[in-house]
N, C-alpha and C. Protein backbone atom coordinates (compact mmCIF):
# COMPACT_ATOMS: atom_id res chain seq x y z
N MET A 1 0.81 -1.27 0.12
CA MET A 1 -0.16 -0.26 -0.20
C MET A 1 0.77 1.50 0.00
N LYS A 2 0.41 2.27 -0.56
CA LYS A 2 1.40 3.59 -1.10
C LYS A 2 0.47 4.85 0.02
N TYR A 3 1.43 5.30 0.50
CA TYR A 3 1.35 6.12 1.43
C TYR A 3 1.55 7.61 0.93
N THR A 4 0.96 8.36 0.92
CA THR A 4 1.34 9.71 1.14
C THR A 4 1.59 10.44 2.47
N LEU A 5 2.54 11.37 2.70
CA LEU A 5 3.16 12.08 3.51
C LEU A 5 2.54 13.18 3.79
N GLY A 6 2.05 14.17 4.98
CA GLY A 6 1.91 15.58 4.64
C GLY A 6 3.66 15.82 5.14
N ALA A 7 3.56 17.08 4.97
CA ALA A 7 5.09 17.82 5.37
C ALA A 7 6.18 17.67 6.78
N LEU A 8 5.00 17.87 7.66
CA LEU A 8 5.54 17.56 9.22
C LEU A 8 5.76 15.86 9.30
N GLU A 9 5.30 15.14 8.46
CA GLU A 9 5.58 13.13 8.68
C GLU A 9 7.07 12.98 7.60
N GLU A 10 6.66 13.76 6.42
CA GLU A 10 8.18 13.84 5.90
C GLU A 10 9.20 14.25 6.83
N ILE A 11 9.27 15.56 7.18
CA ILE A 11 10.39 16.00 8.00
C ILE A 11 11.29 14.96 9.30
N ILE A 12 9.75 14.22 10.03
CA ILE A 12 10.11 14.05 11.06
C ILE A 12 10.72 12.35 10.77
N LEU A 13 10.18 11.41 9.53
CA LEU A 13 10.80 10.39 9.32
C LEU A 13 11.88 10.62 8.84
N LEU A 14 12.27 11.63 7.89
CA LEU A 14 13.55 11.63 7.54
C LEU A 14 14.40 11.82 8.48
N LEU A 15 13.82 12.57 9.67
CA LEU A 15 15.39 12.65 11.01
C LEU A 15 15.39 11.34 11.86
N VAL A 16 14.30 10.60 11.93
CA VAL A 16 14.60 9.26 12.61
C VAL A 16 15.00 8.19 11.26
N LEU A 17 14.62 8.59 10.46
CA LEU A 17 15.57 7.99 9.29
C LEU A 17 17.48 7.93 9.72
N ARG A 18 17.80 9.33 9.78
CA ARG A 18 19.31 10.35 9.52
C ARG A 18 19.89 9.32 11.17
N GLU A 19 18.93 9.42 11.65
CA GLU A 19 19.48 9.07 13.42
C GLU A 19 19.42 7.60 13.86
N LYS A 20 18.63 6.55 13.01
CA LYS A 20 18.65 5.04 12.95
C LYS A 20 17.60 5.13 14.22
N GLU A 21 17.77 5.20 15.54
CA GLU A 21 17.23 5.15 16.42
C GLU A 21 17.17 6.87 17.12
N SER A 22 15.51 7.25 17.64
CA SER A 22 15.00 8.56 18.17
C SER A 22 13.88 8.22 18.74
N TYR A 23 14.37 9.59 19.95
CA TYR A 23 13.21 9.63 20.95
C TYR A 23 12.05 11.35 20.40
N GLY A 24 11.29 10.82 21.29
CA GLY A 24 10.66 12.40 21.02
C GLY A 24 11.69 13.80 20.97
N ALA A 25 11.81 13.60 22.83
CA ALA A 25 12.69 15.30 22.95
C ALA A 25 14.28 15.47 21.43
N GLU A 26 14.67 14.28 21.51
CA GLU A 26 16.00 14.40 20.54
C GLU A 26 15.24 14.80 18.82
N LEU A 27 14.57 14.52 18.71
CA LEU A 27 13.21 15.17 17.37
C LEU A 27 13.38 16.35 17.34
N VAL A 28 12.80 16.71 18.62
CA VAL A 28 12.28 18.45 18.93
C VAL A 28 13.36 19.30 18.40
N GLN A 29 14.52 18.74 19.02
CA GLN A 29 15.74 19.61 19.12
C GLN A 29 16.56 19.57 17.76
N LEU A 30 16.28 18.02 16.99
CA LEU A 30 16.71 18.03 15.87
C LEU A 30 16.04 19.25 14.84
N TYR A 31 14.83 19.43 14.73
CA TYR A 31 13.66 20.00 14.13
C TYR A 31 14.27 21.17 14.08
N SER A 32 14.14 21.91 15.32
CA SER A 32 14.55 22.95 15.53
C SER A 32 15.99 23.58 15.01
N LYS A 33 16.80 22.79 14.91
CA LYS A 33 18.25 23.08 14.44
C LYS A 33 18.21 22.93 12.97
N GLN A 34 17.90 21.78 12.70
CA GLN A 34 17.84 21.60 11.21
C GLN A 34 16.78 22.69 10.28
N LEU A 35 15.45 23.19 10.99
CA LEU A 35 14.72 23.84 10.01
C LEU A 35 14.79 25.48 10.63
N GLY A 36 15.33 25.63 11.77
CA GLY A 36 15.81 27.13 12.45
C GLY A 36 14.06 26.96 12.93
N LYS A 37 13.18 26.59 12.81
CA LYS A 37 12.00 26.91 14.33
C LYS A 37 11.55 26.04 14.68
N PRO A 38 11.00 25.93 15.81
CA PRO A 38 10.64 25.19 17.08
C PRO A 38 9.59 24.42 16.75
N ILE A 39 8.87 23.60 17.27
CA ILE A 39 7.85 22.53 17.08
C ILE A 39 7.88 21.79 18.54
N THR A 40 6.46 21.50 19.42
CA THR A 40 6.58 21.02 20.12
C THR A 40 6.73 19.51 20.35
N LEU A 41 6.98 18.91 21.63
CA LEU A 41 7.19 17.92 21.98
C LEU A 41 5.78 16.69 21.75
N PRO A 42 4.56 17.62 22.09
CA PRO A 42 3.37 17.07 21.90
C PRO A 42 2.88 16.83 20.30
N ALA A 43 3.37 18.00 19.27
CA ALA A 43 3.20 17.67 17.89
C ALA A 43 3.76 16.47 17.30
N VAL A 44 5.60 16.36 17.62
CA VAL A 44 6.35 15.34 17.14
C VAL A 44 5.90 14.01 17.64
N VAL A 45 5.51 13.91 19.10
CA VAL A 45 4.69 12.41 19.22
C VAL A 45 3.51 12.17 18.39
N MET A 46 2.67 13.15 18.37
CA MET A 46 1.47 12.44 17.42
C MET A 46 2.15 12.56 16.13
N VAL A 47 2.93 12.64 15.76
CA VAL A 47 3.67 12.57 14.35
C VAL A 47 4.40 11.30 14.36
N LEU A 48 4.92 11.01 15.22
CA LEU A 48 5.73 9.74 15.09
C LEU A 48 4.64 8.44 15.71
N LYS A 49 3.33 8.87 16.46
CA LYS A 49 2.28 7.81 16.39
C LYS A 49 1.25 7.43 15.93
N ARG A 50 1.76 8.67 14.36
CA ARG A 50 0.42 8.03 13.21
C ARG A 50 1.69 7.67 12.37
N LEU A 51 2.90 7.79 12.09
CA LEU A 51 3.67 6.89 11.69
C LEU A 51 3.83 5.81 11.76
N GLU A 52 3.77 5.32 12.85
CA GLU A 52 4.00 3.98 13.48
C GLU A 52 2.40 3.07 13.21
N LYS A 53 1.34 3.85 13.07
CA LYS A 53 0.80 3.21 13.27
C LYS A 53 0.04 2.69 11.21
N LYS A 54 1.00 4.05 10.74
CA LYS A 54 1.08 3.54 9.03
C LYS A 54 1.91 2.54 8.65
N GLY A 55 2.56 1.55 9.64
CA GLY A 55 3.67 1.06 9.43
C GLY A 55 4.95 1.47 9.55
N MET A 56 4.91 2.56 8.94
CA MET A 56 6.60 3.33 8.69
C MET A 56 7.86 3.49 9.83
N LEU A 57 7.07 3.43 11.31
CA LEU A 57 7.88 3.52 12.42
C LEU A 57 7.63 2.00 12.89
N GLN A 58 8.78 1.56 14.10
CA GLN A 58 8.44 1.07 14.94
C GLN A 58 8.88 1.66 16.47
N SER A 59 8.25 1.27 17.66
CA SER A 59 8.78 1.23 18.54
C SER A 59 9.46 0.46 19.56
N LYS A 60 10.33 0.70 20.71
CA LYS A 60 10.56 0.20 21.83
C LYS A 60 10.98 0.93 23.08
N ILE A 61 10.43 0.12 23.89
CA ILE A 61 10.92 0.96 25.26
C ILE A 61 12.40 1.00 25.65
N GLY A 62 12.86 1.91 25.92
CA GLY A 62 14.58 1.95 25.87
C GLY A 62 14.64 1.49 27.57
N GLU A 63 15.67 1.06 28.35
CA GLU A 63 16.39 1.30 29.66
C GLU A 63 15.94 2.46 30.24
N PRO A 64 15.57 1.99 31.53
CA PRO A 64 15.52 3.67 32.45
C PRO A 64 16.98 4.67 32.62
N SER A 65 16.86 5.55 33.08
CA SER A 65 17.82 6.42 32.89
C SER A 65 17.91 7.15 34.40
N GLN A 66 18.79 7.05 34.99
CA GLN A 66 18.66 8.17 36.12
C GLN A 66 18.87 9.61 36.10
N LYS A 67 19.15 10.02 34.77
CA LYS A 67 18.55 11.43 34.46
C LYS A 67 17.55 12.11 34.01
N ARG A 68 16.11 10.56 34.00
CA ARG A 68 14.97 10.90 33.79
C ARG A 68 14.18 9.99 34.57
N GLY A 69 14.84 10.29 36.11
CA GLY A 69 14.75 9.76 37.71
C GLY A 69 13.71 8.07 36.86
N GLY A 70 14.10 7.41 36.31
CA GLY A 70 14.42 6.14 36.31
C GLY A 70 13.13 6.00 35.15
N ARG A 71 12.84 6.57 34.99
CA ARG A 71 11.69 6.45 33.16
C ARG A 71 12.51 6.50 32.20
N ARG A 72 11.32 5.54 31.25
CA ARG A 72 12.10 4.53 30.28
C ARG A 72 11.68 5.73 28.94
N LYS A 73 12.46 6.18 27.89
CA LYS A 73 12.54 6.13 26.74
C LYS A 73 11.51 5.73 25.93
N VAL A 74 10.83 5.99 24.60
CA VAL A 74 10.46 5.43 23.97
C VAL A 74 11.30 5.82 22.70
N LEU A 75 11.60 4.21 21.73
CA LEU A 75 13.10 5.12 20.74
C LEU A 75 11.94 4.57 19.38
N TYR A 76 12.03 5.09 19.03
CA TYR A 76 11.41 5.00 17.49
C TYR A 76 12.85 4.46 16.45
N GLU A 77 12.52 3.50 15.59
CA GLU A 77 12.96 3.41 14.27
C GLU A 77 12.11 2.90 13.19
N ALA A 78 12.63 3.44 12.14
CA ALA A 78 12.56 3.45 10.72
C ALA A 78 12.05 1.89 9.96
N THR A 79 10.60 1.31 9.62
CA THR A 79 11.00 0.34 9.01
C THR A 79 11.00 0.19 7.85
N GLU A 80 11.51 -0.89 6.82
CA GLU A 80 11.59 -0.91 5.23
C GLU A 80 10.18 0.27 4.36
N LEU A 81 9.43 0.12 5.05
CA LEU A 81 8.03 0.41 4.49
C LEU A 81 8.48 1.93 4.59
N GLY A 82 8.90 2.45 5.53
CA GLY A 82 8.71 4.13 5.78
C GLY A 82 10.20 4.81 4.71
N TYR A 83 11.61 3.66 5.12
CA TYR A 83 12.18 3.70 4.01
C TYR A 83 11.84 4.06 2.85
N ARG A 84 11.49 3.04 2.34
CA ARG A 84 10.82 2.85 0.85
C ARG A 84 9.53 4.40 0.88
N THR A 85 8.60 4.56 1.40
CA THR A 85 8.07 5.53 1.59
C THR A 85 8.97 7.15 0.71
N ALA A 86 9.71 7.31 2.38
CA ALA A 86 10.73 8.78 2.29
C ALA A 86 11.50 8.30 0.62
N LYS A 87 12.16 7.41 0.35
CA LYS A 87 12.85 7.36 -0.89
C LYS A 87 11.85 7.81 -1.65
N ASP A 88 10.74 7.41 -2.34
CA ASP A 88 9.41 7.32 -3.17
C ASP A 88 9.20 8.70 -3.28
N THR A 89 9.00 9.61 -2.20
CA THR A 89 8.31 11.00 -2.00
C THR A 89 9.57 11.81 -1.95
N MET A 90 11.09 11.39 -1.95
CA MET A 90 11.95 12.62 -2.08
C MET A 90 12.07 12.37 -4.31
N GLU A 91 11.85 11.01 -4.13
CA GLU A 91 12.43 10.91 -6.02
C GLU A 91 11.09 11.56 -7.00
N ALA A 92 9.94 11.42 -6.28
CA ALA A 92 8.88 11.95 -6.52
C ALA A 92 8.79 13.75 -6.58
N LYS A 93 9.50 14.12 -5.32
CA LYS A 93 9.77 15.57 -5.60
C LYS A 93 10.70 16.16 -6.58
N MET A 94 11.66 15.05 -6.60
CA MET A 94 13.01 15.70 -7.56
C MET A 94 12.59 15.57 -9.35
N GLN A 95 11.60 14.94 -9.47
CA GLN A 95 11.69 14.52 -10.63
C GLN A 95 10.27 16.08 -11.01
N ILE A 96 9.43 16.28 -10.30
CA ILE A 96 8.54 17.44 -10.33
C ILE A 96 9.65 18.66 -10.11
N TRP A 97 10.07 19.13 -9.44
CA TRP A 97 11.48 19.94 -9.42
C TRP A 97 11.93 20.34 -10.71
N ASN A 98 12.64 18.95 -10.87
CA ASN A 98 13.12 18.82 -12.49
C ASN A 98 12.31 19.05 -13.96
N MET A 99 11.08 19.54 -13.76
CA MET A 99 10.10 20.40 -14.60
C MET A 99 10.33 21.63 -14.87
N VAL A 100 10.26 22.21 -13.07
CA VAL A 100 10.40 23.68 -13.02
C VAL A 100 11.20 24.78 -14.09
N PRO A 101 10.64 24.96 -14.65
CA PRO A 101 11.62 25.94 -15.40
C PRO A 101 12.26 26.89 -14.52
N LYS A 102 13.71 27.27 -15.19
CA LYS A 102 14.70 27.63 -13.98
C LYS A 102 14.34 29.62 -14.23
N ILE A 103 14.35 29.98 -13.64
CA ILE A 103 13.69 31.49 -13.15
C ILE A 103 15.00 32.03 -13.60
N ILE A 104 15.89 31.63 -13.07
CA ILE A 104 17.64 32.58 -13.09
C ILE A 104 18.38 32.25 -13.48
């Protein structure tokens, strides 16, 4: 089944692919650093859950840490479907971009 991605889903999926394994707070920092604009943790978590439901990500519970008061992180990793979808999306965008007349 082919999925289309929303803009935020696409960015979050690419950031997860970049890091191999990621968690929400880390993605908030990466998003802000890469795009130069803020995003909230709840917004990222909502997208992560949506991508997981679509089968593009899988999650696992990490080890508890002292830094987090003994709480565990939910770690996300892209699936093969997530990788293929991101790749297909980027290729489609490049095909369209290559059809855009050069203005300058």
